[in-house]
Protein backbone atom coordinates (compact mmCIF):
# COMPACT_ATOMS: atom_id res chain seq x y z
CA UNK A 1 100.56 110.40 119.12
CA UNK A 2 101.80 110.89 122.67
CA UNK A 3 105.16 109.35 121.79
CA UNK A 4 105.54 111.59 118.74
CA UNK A 5 104.67 114.63 120.83
CA UNK A 6 107.19 113.72 123.53
CA UNK A 7 109.88 113.25 120.88
CA UNK A 8 109.06 116.60 119.27
CA UNK A 9 109.17 118.32 122.68
CA UNK A 10 112.62 116.86 123.32
CA UNK A 11 113.77 117.87 119.83
CA UNK A 12 112.82 121.48 120.51
CA UNK A 13 113.62 121.83 124.21
CA UNK A 14 116.52 119.52 124.82
CA UNK A 15 118.29 119.29 121.46
CA UNK A 16 117.59 122.78 120.10
CA UNK A 17 116.28 121.46 116.78
CA UNK A 18 113.98 124.36 116.03
CA UNK A 19 114.21 127.53 114.01
CA UNK A 20 116.47 129.06 116.64
CA UNK A 21 119.60 127.41 118.07
CA UNK A 22 118.34 127.43 121.65
CA UNK A 23 118.06 124.40 123.87
CA UNK A 24 117.01 124.01 127.47
CA UNK A 25 118.89 121.30 129.39
CA UNK A 26 117.02 118.14 130.29
CA UNK A 27 115.14 118.32 133.53
CA UNK A 28 112.58 115.73 134.51
CA UNK A 29 110.43 118.46 136.05
CA UNK A 30 109.79 120.45 132.90
CA UNK A 31 110.12 117.76 130.23
CA UNK A 32 106.84 116.34 131.48
CA UNK A 33 104.28 117.35 128.83
CA UNK A 34 101.27 116.90 131.11
CA UNK A 35 100.57 120.62 131.26
CA UNK A 36 102.76 121.47 134.24
CA UNK A 37 104.01 125.06 134.17
CA UNK A 38 107.29 124.03 135.80
CA UNK A 39 109.88 125.18 133.27
CA UNK A 40 112.89 127.53 133.42
CA UNK A 41 111.55 130.09 130.93
CA UNK A 42 108.66 132.49 130.37
CA UNK A 43 105.19 131.56 129.15
CA UNK A 44 105.92 133.42 125.89
CA UNK A 45 108.84 131.08 125.33
CA UNK A 46 106.60 128.10 126.10
CA UNK A 47 104.19 129.29 123.40
CA UNK A 48 107.11 129.37 120.93
CA UNK A 49 108.11 125.86 122.00
CA UNK A 50 104.50 124.70 121.58
CA UNK A 51 104.34 126.19 118.05
CA UNK A 52 107.59 124.48 117.09
CA UNK A 53 106.38 121.15 118.48
CA UNK A 54 103.14 121.51 116.50
CA UNK A 55 105.15 122.39 113.38
CA UNK A 56 107.27 119.24 113.76
CA UNK A 57 104.16 117.11 114.20
CA UNK A 58 102.51 118.63 111.11
CA UNK A 59 105.68 118.00 109.07
CA UNK A 60 105.80 114.39 110.26
CA UNK A 61 102.12 113.88 109.38
CA UNK A 62 102.61 115.37 105.92
CA UNK A 63 105.67 113.19 105.36
CA UNK A 64 103.79 110.04 106.41
CA UNK A 65 100.84 110.88 104.16
CA UNK A 66 103.23 111.61 101.29
CA UNK A 67 104.91 108.23 101.76
CA UNK A 68 101.55 106.44 101.76
CA UNK A 69 100.43 108.31 98.65
CA UNK A 70 103.66 107.74 96.73
CA UNK A 71 103.68 104.04 97.58
CA UNK A 72 99.93 103.45 97.30
CA UNK A 73 100.21 100.95 94.44
CA UNK A 74 102.76 98.87 96.32
CA UNK A 75 100.61 99.00 99.46
CA UNK A 76 97.59 97.81 97.49
CA UNK A 77 99.69 94.97 96.04
CA UNK A 78 100.83 94.02 99.55
CA UNK A 79 97.25 94.02 100.83
CA UNK A 80 96.12 91.78 97.98
CA UNK A 81 99.00 89.38 98.59
CA UNK A 82 98.34 89.32 102.34
CA UNK A 83 94.68 88.56 101.73
CA UNK A 84 95.80 85.57 99.66
CA UNK A 85 98.56 84.26 101.93
CA UNK A 86 98.02 85.90 105.38
CA UNK A 87 101.78 86.13 106.08
CA UNK A 88 104.69 87.24 103.92
CA UNK A 89 108.45 86.97 104.25
CA UNK A 90 110.51 90.13 104.07
CA UNK A 91 111.88 89.23 100.64
CA UNK A 92 108.32 89.12 99.26
CA UNK A 93 107.68 92.60 100.65
CA UNK A 94 110.87 93.87 99.01
CA UNK A 95 109.92 92.18 95.74
CA UNK A 96 106.58 93.98 95.76
CA UNK A 97 107.57 97.35 97.23
CA UNK A 98 111.24 97.42 96.43
CA UNK A 99 113.72 99.34 98.52
CA UNK A 100 113.16 103.03 97.97
CA UNK A 101 115.52 105.89 98.59
CA UNK A 102 114.75 108.02 101.64
CA UNK A 103 113.47 111.53 101.14
CA UNK A 104 115.24 114.20 103.17
CA UNK A 105 113.62 117.50 104.05
CA UNK A 106 116.07 120.38 104.23
CA UNK A 107 115.73 123.43 106.46
CA UNK A 108 114.59 125.39 103.41
CA UNK A 109 111.74 122.94 102.86
CA UNK A 110 113.33 121.29 99.82
CA UNK A 111 112.81 117.58 99.40
CA UNK A 112 115.82 115.57 98.31
CA UNK A 113 115.57 111.96 97.23
CA UNK A 114 118.82 110.03 97.29
CA UNK A 115 119.28 107.77 94.30
CA UNK A 116 116.91 106.53 91.64
CA UNK A 117 113.66 104.76 92.42
CA UNK A 118 113.63 101.11 91.54
CA UNK A 119 111.15 100.36 88.74
CA UNK A 120 108.44 97.78 89.40
């Protein structure tokens, strides 16, 4: 979770990937997410950054849960096969799960899936 939080902080602060096109240049002093108040902007701005970071983390969690739900049958098949054989080659995983098209979330919240899903 710490790694995801650090990435989200960098996405908002350093790369400006939030609801507003504002970025704060990288500085080792304020990119530390340990609670230090050493940053080049007001506390109100920090609260906005914190909300955006939390929003990114919630979106990532929802996306991960969605992937697990959508692919539950394939995951169950993989578990059963692993219980039988203990290890599997990548081609066996692809045979069971199949390559799926990535889902892209747009700024408007729309989900786009590129290409058809492969039937099993």
